[in-house]
């Protein structure tokens, strides 16, 4: 089974997982060390990707594609990053 998350407009790989291994060779430099594919739900079709240290530039459309013995499927997710300003109490 292969799972690939890409940035829609850039067609760049955000995370690639195949046959039990994360493949980082083609990962976009901006995401290196910041993505984790949750393996807990792989057997039931949950392909959650976590991006740590989210940046405003991460905002946008992501496409998850899955290819395996049963065929090919694709889903699109829109990530909206909101910048939160700190509150100061005096």
PDB file of N, CA and C in Angstrom:
ATOM      1  N   UNK A   1       0.842  -1.174   0.000  1.00  0.00           N
ATOM      2  CA  UNK A   1       0.000   0.000   0.000  1.00  0.00           C
ATOM      3  C   UNK A   1       0.893   1.245   0.000  1.00  0.00           C
ATOM      4  N   UNK A   2       0.476   2.250  -0.760  1.00  0.00           N
ATOM      5  CA  UNK A   2       1.203   3.517  -0.812  1.00  0.00           C
ATOM      6  C   UNK A   2       0.242   4.656  -0.485  1.00  0.00           C
ATOM      7  N   UNK A   3       0.688   5.555   0.388  1.00  0.00           N
ATOM      8  CA  UNK A   3      -0.081   6.739   0.760  1.00  0.00           C
ATOM      9  C   UNK A   3       0.807   7.945   0.478  1.00  0.00           C
ATOM     10  N   UNK A   4       0.273   8.884  -0.266  1.00  0.00           N
ATOM     11  CA  UNK A   4       1.040  10.090  -0.588  1.00  0.00           C
ATOM     12  C   UNK A   4       0.176  11.319  -0.330  1.00  0.00           C
ATOM     13  N   UNK A   5       0.717  12.241   0.463  1.00  0.00           N
ATOM     14  CA  UNK A   5       0.099  13.548   0.689  1.00  0.00           C
ATOM     15  C   UNK A   5       0.886  14.556  -0.123  1.00  0.00           C
ATOM     16  N   UNK A   6       0.211  15.369  -0.934  1.00  0.00           N
ATOM     17  CA  UNK A   6       0.890  16.385  -1.724  1.00  0.00           C
ATOM     18  C   UNK A   6       0.222  17.743  -1.538  1.00  0.00           C
ATOM     19  N   UNK A   7       0.970  18.808  -1.827  1.00  0.00           N
ATOM     20  CA  UNK A   7       0.401  20.155  -1.883  1.00  0.00           C
ATOM     21  C   UNK A   7      -0.203  20.308  -3.257  1.00  0.00           C
ATOM     22  N   UNK A   8      -1.462  20.652  -3.330  1.00  0.00           N
ATOM     23  CA  UNK A   8      -2.200  20.684  -4.586  1.00  0.00           C
ATOM     24  C   UNK A   8      -1.574  21.616  -5.621  1.00  0.00           C
ATOM     25  N   UNK A   9      -1.314  22.850  -5.274  1.00  0.00           N
ATOM     26  CA  UNK A   9      -0.818  23.824  -6.254  1.00  0.00           C
ATOM     27  C   UNK A   9       0.648  23.615  -6.611  1.00  0.00           C
ATOM     28  N   UNK A  10       1.405  23.000  -5.725  1.00  0.00           N
ATOM     29  CA  UNK A  10       2.833  22.809  -5.970  1.00  0.00           C
ATOM     30  C   UNK A  10       3.146  21.425  -6.525  1.00  0.00           C
ATOM     31  N   UNK A  11       2.217  20.497  -6.378  1.00  0.00           N
ATOM     32  CA  UNK A  11       2.421  19.095  -6.755  1.00  0.00           C
ATOM     33  C   UNK A  11       3.665  18.512  -6.084  1.00  0.00           C
ATOM     34  N   UNK A  12       4.007  19.064  -4.930  1.00  0.00           N
ATOM     35  CA  UNK A  12       5.159  18.574  -4.180  1.00  0.00           C
ATOM     36  C   UNK A  12       4.725  17.622  -3.089  1.00  0.00           C
ATOM     37  N   UNK A  13       5.561  16.647  -2.806  1.00  0.00           N
ATOM     38  CA  UNK A  13       5.251  15.641  -1.795  1.00  0.00           C
ATOM     39  C   UNK A  13       5.453  16.204  -0.399  1.00  0.00           C
ATOM     40  N   UNK A  14       4.402  16.104   0.408  1.00  0.00           N
ATOM     41  CA  UNK A  14       4.452  16.516   1.807  1.00  0.00           C
ATOM     42  C   UNK A  14       4.838  15.313   2.671  1.00  0.00           C
ATOM     43  N   UNK A  15       4.275  14.150   2.352  1.00  0.00           N
ATOM     44  CA  UNK A  15       4.606  12.910   3.065  1.00  0.00           C
ATOM     45  C   UNK A  15       4.320  11.725   2.153  1.00  0.00           C
ATOM     46  N   UNK A  16       5.213  10.733   2.161  1.00  0.00           N
ATOM     47  CA  UNK A  16       5.040   9.533   1.345  1.00  0.00           C
ATOM     48  C   UNK A  16       5.309   8.306   2.213  1.00  0.00           C
ATOM     49  N   UNK A  17       4.374   7.394   2.195  1.00  0.00           N
ATOM     50  CA  UNK A  17       4.442   6.160   2.982  1.00  0.00           C
ATOM     51  C   UNK A  17       4.176   5.003   2.025  1.00  0.00           C
ATOM     52  N   UNK A  18       5.042   3.997   2.029  1.00  0.00           N
ATOM     53  CA  UNK A  18       4.837   2.844   1.157  1.00  0.00           C
ATOM     54  C   UNK A  18       5.343   1.570   1.824  1.00  0.00           C
ATOM     55  N   UNK A  19       4.494   0.566   1.815  1.00  0.00           N
ATOM     56  CA  UNK A  19       4.851  -0.771   2.320  1.00  0.00           C
ATOM     57  C   UNK A  19       5.492  -0.735   3.701  1.00  0.00           C
ATOM     58  N   UNK A  20       4.894   0.052   4.604  1.00  0.00           N
ATOM     59  CA  UNK A  20       5.342   0.071   5.987  1.00  0.00           C
ATOM     60  C   UNK A  20       6.468   1.037   6.298  1.00  0.00           C
ATOM     61  N   UNK A  21       6.895   1.830   5.321  1.00  0.00           N
ATOM     62  CA  UNK A  21       8.002   2.753   5.549  1.00  0.00           C
ATOM     63  C   UNK A  21       7.663   4.166   5.094  1.00  0.00           C
ATOM     64  N   UNK A  22       8.148   5.146   5.858  1.00  0.00           N
ATOM     65  CA  UNK A  22       8.067   6.537   5.435  1.00  0.00           C
ATOM     66  C   UNK A  22       9.227   6.782   4.479  1.00  0.00           C
ATOM     67  N   UNK A  23       8.929   7.405   3.342  1.00  0.00           N
ATOM     68  CA  UNK A  23       9.952   7.695   2.333  1.00  0.00           C
ATOM     69  C   UNK A  23      10.135   9.210   2.262  1.00  0.00           C
ATOM     70  N   UNK A  24      11.303   9.667   2.668  1.00  0.00           N
ATOM     71  CA  UNK A  24      11.523  11.099   2.785  1.00  0.00           C
ATOM     72  C   UNK A  24      12.342  11.695   1.642  1.00  0.00           C
ATOM     73  N   UNK A  25      12.853  10.889   0.724  1.00  0.00           N
ATOM     74  CA  UNK A  25      13.745  11.375  -0.337  1.00  0.00           C
ATOM     75  C   UNK A  25      13.096  12.445  -1.210  1.00  0.00           C
ATOM     76  N   UNK A  26      11.799  12.303  -1.503  1.00  0.00           N
ATOM     77  CA  UNK A  26      11.145  13.266  -2.392  1.00  0.00           C
ATOM     78  C   UNK A  26      10.299  14.293  -1.647  1.00  0.00           C
ATOM     79  N   UNK A  27      10.391  14.293  -0.320  1.00  0.00           N
ATOM     80  CA  UNK A  27       9.604  15.227   0.492  1.00  0.00           C
ATOM     81  C   UNK A  27      10.074  16.664   0.273  1.00  0.00           C
ATOM     82  N   UNK A  28       9.118  17.583   0.166  1.00  0.00           N
ATOM     83  CA  UNK A  28       9.451  18.999   0.034  1.00  0.00           C
ATOM     84  C   UNK A  28      10.288  19.438   1.234  1.00  0.00           C
ATOM     85  N   UNK A  29      11.284  20.237   0.967  1.00  0.00           N
ATOM     86  CA  UNK A  29      12.197  20.687   2.026  1.00  0.00           C
ATOM     87  C   UNK A  29      11.452  21.377   3.162  1.00  0.00           C
ATOM     88  N   UNK A  30      10.391  22.125   2.838  1.00  0.00           N
ATOM     89  CA  UNK A  30       9.630  22.865   3.847  1.00  0.00           C
ATOM     90  C   UNK A  30       8.962  21.961   4.877  1.00  0.00           C
ATOM     91  N   UNK A  31       8.800  20.676   4.564  1.00  0.00           N
ATOM     92  CA  UNK A  31       8.094  19.760   5.468  1.00  0.00           C
ATOM     93  C   UNK A  31       9.013  18.753   6.150  1.00  0.00           C
ATOM     94  N   UNK A  32      10.270  18.775   5.851  1.00  0.00           N
ATOM     95  CA  UNK A  32      11.196  17.803   6.448  1.00  0.00           C
ATOM     96  C   UNK A  32      11.214  17.925   7.957  1.00  0.00           C
ATOM     97  N   UNK A  33      10.987  16.792   8.616  1.00  0.00           N
ATOM     98  CA  UNK A  33      10.984  16.747  10.071  1.00  0.00           C
ATOM     99  C   UNK A  33       9.720  17.290  10.716  1.00  0.00           C
ATOM    100  N   UNK A  34       8.698  17.631   9.907  1.00  0.00           N
ATOM    101  CA  UNK A  34       7.479  18.230  10.457  1.00  0.00           C
ATOM    102  C   UNK A  34       6.221  17.411  10.205  1.00  0.00           C
ATOM    103  N   UNK A  35       6.316  16.244   9.563  1.00  0.00           N
ATOM    104  CA  UNK A  35       5.112  15.463   9.264  1.00  0.00           C
ATOM    105  C   UNK A  35       5.167  14.080   9.904  1.00  0.00           C
ATOM    106  N   UNK A  36       3.987  13.620  10.316  1.00  0.00           N
ATOM    107  CA  UNK A  36       3.842  12.279  10.897  1.00  0.00           C
ATOM    108  C   UNK A  36       2.543  11.696  10.369  1.00  0.00           C
ATOM    109  N   UNK A  37       2.625  10.528   9.744  1.00  0.00           N
ATOM    110  CA  UNK A  37       1.427   9.819   9.314  1.00  0.00           C
ATOM    111  C   UNK A  37       1.011   8.894  10.441  1.00  0.00           C
ATOM    112  N   UNK A  38      -0.193   9.074  10.938  1.00  0.00           N
ATOM    113  CA  UNK A  38      -0.692   8.244  12.030  1.00  0.00           C
ATOM    114  C   UNK A  38      -0.948   6.838  11.509  1.00  0.00           C
ATOM    115  N   UNK A  39      -0.230   5.872  12.036  1.00  0.00           N
ATOM    116  CA  UNK A  39      -0.362   4.482  11.576  1.00  0.00           C
ATOM    117  C   UNK A  39      -1.441   3.715  12.329  1.00  0.00           C
ATOM    118  N   UNK A  40      -1.939   4.279  13.433  1.00  0.00           N
ATOM    119  CA  UNK A  40      -2.933   3.587  14.244  1.00  0.00           C
ATOM    120  C   UNK A  40      -4.181   3.219  13.451  1.00  0.00           C
ATOM    121  N   UNK A  41      -4.576   4.058  12.524  1.00  0.00           N
ATOM    122  CA  UNK A  41      -5.813   3.823  11.800  1.00  0.00           C
ATOM    123  C   UNK A  41      -5.652   3.326  10.382  1.00  0.00           C
ATOM    124  N   UNK A  42      -4.423   3.006   9.963  1.00  0.00           N
ATOM    125  CA  UNK A  42      -4.208   2.582   8.577  1.00  0.00           C
ATOM    126  C   UNK A  42      -5.065   1.383   8.194  1.00  0.00           C
ATOM    127  N   UNK A  43      -5.214   0.434   9.086  1.00  0.00           N
ATOM    128  CA  UNK A  43      -5.973  -0.786   8.762  1.00  0.00           C
ATOM    129  C   UNK A  43      -7.460  -0.510   8.542  1.00  0.00           C
ATOM    130  N   UNK A  44      -7.954   0.618   9.071  1.00  0.00           N
ATOM    131  CA  UNK A  44      -9.380   0.945   8.880  1.00  0.00           C
ATOM    132  C   UNK A  44      -9.566   2.141   7.937  1.00  0.00           C
ATOM    133  N   UNK A  45      -8.476   2.541   7.270  1.00  0.00           N
ATOM    134  CA  UNK A  45      -8.581   3.593   6.279  1.00  0.00           C
ATOM    135  C   UNK A  45      -8.418   5.006   6.800  1.00  0.00           C
ATOM    136  N   UNK A  46      -7.950   5.167   8.029  1.00  0.00           N
ATOM    137  CA  UNK A  46      -7.703   6.495   8.575  1.00  0.00           C
ATOM    138  C   UNK A  46      -6.269   6.887   8.228  1.00  0.00           C
ATOM    139  N   UNK A  47      -6.126   7.916   7.412  1.00  0.00           N
ATOM    140  CA  UNK A  47      -4.814   8.308   6.891  1.00  0.00           C
ATOM    141  C   UNK A  47      -4.428   9.697   7.361  1.00  0.00           C
ATOM    142  N   UNK A  48      -4.597   9.945   8.656  1.00  0.00           N
ATOM    143  CA  UNK A  48      -4.356  11.253   9.235  1.00  0.00           C
ATOM    144  C   UNK A  48      -2.883  11.651   9.123  1.00  0.00           C
ATOM    145  N   UNK A  49      -2.664  12.847   8.620  1.00  0.00           N
ATOM    146  CA  UNK A  49      -1.326  13.412   8.554  1.00  0.00           C
ATOM    147  C   UNK A  49      -1.251  14.566   9.546  1.00  0.00           C
ATOM    148  N   UNK A  50      -0.250  14.537  10.391  1.00  0.00           N
ATOM    149  CA  UNK A  50      -0.053  15.617  11.351  1.00  0.00           C
ATOM    150  C   UNK A  50       1.133  16.454  10.886  1.00  0.00           C
ATOM    151  N   UNK A  51       0.943  17.751  10.823  1.00  0.00           N
ATOM    152  CA  UNK A  51       2.019  18.681  10.517  1.00  0.00           C
ATOM    153  C   UNK A  51       2.331  19.417  11.808  1.00  0.00           C
ATOM    154  N   UNK A  52       3.550  19.285  12.291  1.00  0.00           N
ATOM    155  CA  UNK A  52       3.941  19.951  13.534  1.00  0.00           C
ATOM    156  C   UNK A  52       4.598  21.285  13.199  1.00  0.00           C
ATOM    157  N   UNK A  53       4.601  22.173  14.158  1.00  0.00           N
ATOM    158  CA  UNK A  53       5.139  23.523  13.974  1.00  0.00           C
ATOM    159  C   UNK A  53       4.521  24.171  12.733  1.00  0.00           C
ATOM    160  N   UNK A  54       3.187  24.206  12.713  1.00  0.00           N
ATOM    161  CA  UNK A  54       2.441  24.738  11.571  1.00  0.00           C
ATOM    162  C   UNK A  54       2.816  26.196  11.333  1.00  0.00           C
ATOM    163  N   UNK A  55       2.960  26.527  10.060  1.00  0.00           N
ATOM    164  CA  UNK A  55       3.333  27.880   9.632  1.00  0.00           C
ATOM    165  C   UNK A  55       2.221  28.455   8.763  1.00  0.00           C
ATOM    166  N   UNK A  56       2.124  29.770   8.675  1.00  0.00           N
ATOM    167  CA  UNK A  56       1.127  30.358   7.776  1.00  0.00           C
ATOM    168  C   UNK A  56       1.268  29.860   6.336  1.00  0.00           C
ATOM    169  N   UNK A  57       2.490  29.557   5.919  1.00  0.00           N
ATOM    170  CA  UNK A  57       2.712  29.077   4.546  1.00  0.00           C
ATOM    171  C   UNK A  57       2.160  27.671   4.318  1.00  0.00           C
ATOM    172  N   UNK A  58       1.774  26.965   5.381  1.00  0.00           N
ATOM    173  CA  UNK A  58       1.178  25.630   5.240  1.00  0.00           C
ATOM    174  C   UNK A  58      -0.277  25.703   4.799  1.00  0.00           C
ATOM    175  N   UNK A  59      -0.866  26.882   4.867  1.00  0.00           N
ATOM    176  CA  UNK A  59      -2.253  27.094   4.480  1.00  0.00           C
ATOM    177  C   UNK A  59      -2.459  26.664   3.025  1.00  0.00           C
ATOM    178  N   UNK A  60      -3.533  25.915   2.766  1.00  0.00           N
ATOM    179  CA  UNK A  60      -3.827  25.549   1.383  1.00  0.00           C
ATOM    180  C   UNK A  60      -4.472  24.194   1.237  1.00  0.00           C
ATOM    181  N   UNK A  61      -4.482  23.714   0.009  1.00  0.00           N
ATOM    182  CA  UNK A  61      -5.135  22.456  -0.350  1.00  0.00           C
ATOM    183  C   UNK A  61      -4.118  21.325  -0.392  1.00  0.00           C
ATOM    184  N   UNK A  62      -4.500  20.217   0.230  1.00  0.00           N
ATOM    185  CA  UNK A  62      -3.669  19.019   0.247  1.00  0.00           C
ATOM    186  C   UNK A  62      -4.473  17.877  -0.370  1.00  0.00           C
ATOM    187  N   UNK A  63      -3.786  16.996  -1.078  1.00  0.00           N
ATOM    188  CA  UNK A  63      -4.426  15.837  -1.688  1.00  0.00           C
ATOM    189  C   UNK A  63      -3.767  14.586  -1.117  1.00  0.00           C
ATOM    190  N   UNK A  64      -4.606  13.663  -0.648  1.00  0.00           N
ATOM    191  CA  UNK A  64      -4.131  12.374  -0.151  1.00  0.00           C
ATOM    192  C   UNK A  64      -4.518  11.320  -1.172  1.00  0.00           C
ATOM    193  N   UNK A  65      -3.535  10.592  -1.677  1.00  0.00           N
ATOM    194  CA  UNK A  65      -3.823   9.506  -2.611  1.00  0.00           C
ATOM    195  C   UNK A  65      -3.369   8.187  -1.993  1.00  0.00           C
ATOM    196  N   UNK A  66      -4.168   7.159  -2.237  1.00  0.00           N
ATOM    197  CA  UNK A  66      -3.887   5.831  -1.702  1.00  0.00           C
ATOM    198  C   UNK A  66      -3.942   4.841  -2.851  1.00  0.00           C
ATOM    199  N   UNK A  67      -2.917   4.013  -2.941  1.00  0.00           N
ATOM    200  CA  UNK A  67      -2.876   2.992  -3.974  1.00  0.00           C
ATOM    201  C   UNK A  67      -2.539   1.658  -3.326  1.00  0.00           C
ATOM    202  N   UNK A  68      -3.330   0.649  -3.639  1.00  0.00           N
ATOM    203  CA  UNK A  68      -3.109  -0.670  -3.074  1.00  0.00           C
ATOM    204  C   UNK A  68      -3.726  -1.733  -3.951  1.00  0.00           C
ATOM    205  N   UNK A  69      -3.785  -2.937  -3.436  1.00  0.00           N
ATOM    206  CA  UNK A  69      -4.334  -4.064  -4.185  1.00  0.00           C
ATOM    207  C   UNK A  69      -5.796  -3.838  -4.571  1.00  0.00           C
ATOM    208  N   UNK A  70      -6.535  -3.078  -3.758  1.00  0.00           N
ATOM    209  CA  UNK A  70      -7.958  -2.842  -4.026  1.00  0.00           C
ATOM    210  C   UNK A  70      -8.180  -1.711  -5.032  1.00  0.00           C
ATOM    211  N   UNK A  71      -7.118  -0.996  -5.410  1.00  0.00           N
ATOM    212  CA  UNK A  71      -7.272   0.080  -6.377  1.00  0.00           C
ATOM    213  C   UNK A  71      -6.663   1.380  -5.910  1.00  0.00           C
ATOM    214  N   UNK A  72      -7.235   2.477  -6.413  1.00  0.00           N
ATOM    215  CA  UNK A  72      -6.713   3.813  -6.163  1.00  0.00           C
ATOM    216  C   UNK A  72      -7.845   4.712  -5.667  1.00  0.00           C
ATOM    217  N   UNK A  73      -7.532   5.562  -4.691  1.00  0.00           N
ATOM    218  CA  UNK A  73      -8.513   6.530  -4.197  1.00  0.00           C
ATOM    219  C   UNK A  73      -7.788   7.827  -3.873  1.00  0.00           C
ATOM    220  N   UNK A  74      -8.563   8.911  -3.871  1.00  0.00           N
ATOM    221  CA  UNK A  74      -7.992  10.223  -3.629  1.00  0.00           C
ATOM    222  C   UNK A  74      -8.973  11.072  -2.841  1.00  0.00           C
ATOM    223  N   UNK A  75      -8.443  11.897  -1.950  1.00  0.00           N
ATOM    224  CA  UNK A  75      -9.279  12.828  -1.174  1.00  0.00           C
ATOM    225  C   UNK A  75      -8.548  14.158  -1.072  1.00  0.00           C
ATOM    226  N   UNK A  76      -9.323  15.228  -1.005  1.00  0.00           N
ATOM    227  CA  UNK A  76      -8.758  16.573  -0.907  1.00  0.00           C
ATOM    228  C   UNK A  76      -9.146  17.187   0.431  1.00  0.00           C
ATOM    229  N   UNK A  77      -8.180  17.855   1.064  1.00  0.00           N
ATOM    230  CA  UNK A  77      -8.387  18.492   2.361  1.00  0.00           C
ATOM    231  C   UNK A  77      -7.898  19.932   2.267  1.00  0.00           C
ATOM    232  N   UNK A  78      -8.674  20.840   2.828  1.00  0.00           N
ATOM    233  CA  UNK A  78      -8.282  22.245   2.870  1.00  0.00           C
ATOM    234  C   UNK A  78      -7.801  22.574   4.275  1.00  0.00           C
ATOM    235  N   UNK A  79      -6.563  23.029   4.392  1.00  0.00           N
ATOM    236  CA  UNK A  79      -6.006  23.431   5.683  1.00  0.00           C
ATOM    237  C   UNK A  79      -6.024  24.948   5.759  1.00  0.00           C
ATOM    238  N   UNK A  80      -6.648  25.462   6.804  1.00  0.00           N
ATOM    239  CA  UNK A  80      -6.715  26.900   7.012  1.00  0.00           C
ATOM    240  C   UNK A  80      -5.924  27.225   8.266  1.00  0.00           C
ATOM    241  N   UNK A  81      -4.853  27.971   8.099  1.00  0.00           N
ATOM    242  CA  UNK A  81      -3.995  28.329   9.221  1.00  0.00           C
ATOM    243  C   UNK A  81      -4.372  29.729   9.695  1.00  0.00           C
ATOM    244  N   UNK A  82      -4.675  29.839  10.969  1.00  0.00           N
ATOM    245  CA  UNK A  82      -5.005  31.145  11.560  1.00  0.00           C
ATOM    246  C   UNK A  82      -3.871  31.541  12.510  1.00  0.00           C
ATOM    247  N   UNK A  83      -3.445  32.744  12.394  1.00  0.00           N
ATOM    248  CA  UNK A  83      -2.398  33.252  13.270  1.00  0.00           C
ATOM    249  C   UNK A  83      -3.062  33.816  14.514  1.00  0.00           C
ATOM    250  N   UNK A  84      -2.637  33.325  15.663  1.00  0.00           N
ATOM    251  CA  UNK A  84      -3.190  33.771  16.938  1.00  0.00           C
ATOM    252  C   UNK A  84      -2.155  34.667  17.608  1.00  0.00           C
ATOM    253  N   UNK A  85      -2.582  35.855  17.939  1.00  0.00           N
ATOM    254  CA  UNK A  85      -1.680  36.783  18.588  1.00  0.00           C
ATOM    255  C   UNK A  85      -1.772  36.576  20.108  1.00  0.00           C
ATOM    256  N   UNK A  86      -0.660  36.683  20.788  1.00  0.00           N
ATOM    257  CA  UNK A  86      -0.685  36.470  22.239  1.00  0.00           C
ATOM    258  C   UNK A  86      -1.484  37.564  22.952  1.00  0.00           C
ATOM    259  N   UNK A  87      -2.122  37.166  24.034  1.00  0.00           N
ATOM    260  CA  UNK A  87      -2.851  38.119  24.866  1.00  0.00           C
ATOM    261  C   UNK A  87      -2.000  38.449  26.084  1.00  0.00           C
ATOM    262  N   UNK A  88      -1.920  39.712  26.375  1.00  0.00           N
ATOM    263  CA  UNK A  88      -1.150  40.139  27.549  1.00  0.00           C
ATOM    264  C   UNK A  88      -2.122  40.643  28.608  1.00  0.00           C
ATOM    265  N   UNK A  89      -1.929  40.170  29.828  1.00  0.00           N
ATOM    266  CA  UNK A  89      -2.743  40.619  30.945  1.00  0.00           C
ATOM    267  C   UNK A  89      -1.842  41.404  31.896  1.00  0.00           C
ATOM    268  N   UNK A  90      -2.289  42.601  32.237  1.00  0.00           N
ATOM    269  CA  UNK A  90      -1.493  43.430  33.145  1.00  0.00           C
ATOM    270  C   UNK A  90      -2.222  43.578  34.452  1.00  0.00           C
TER     271      UNK A  90
END
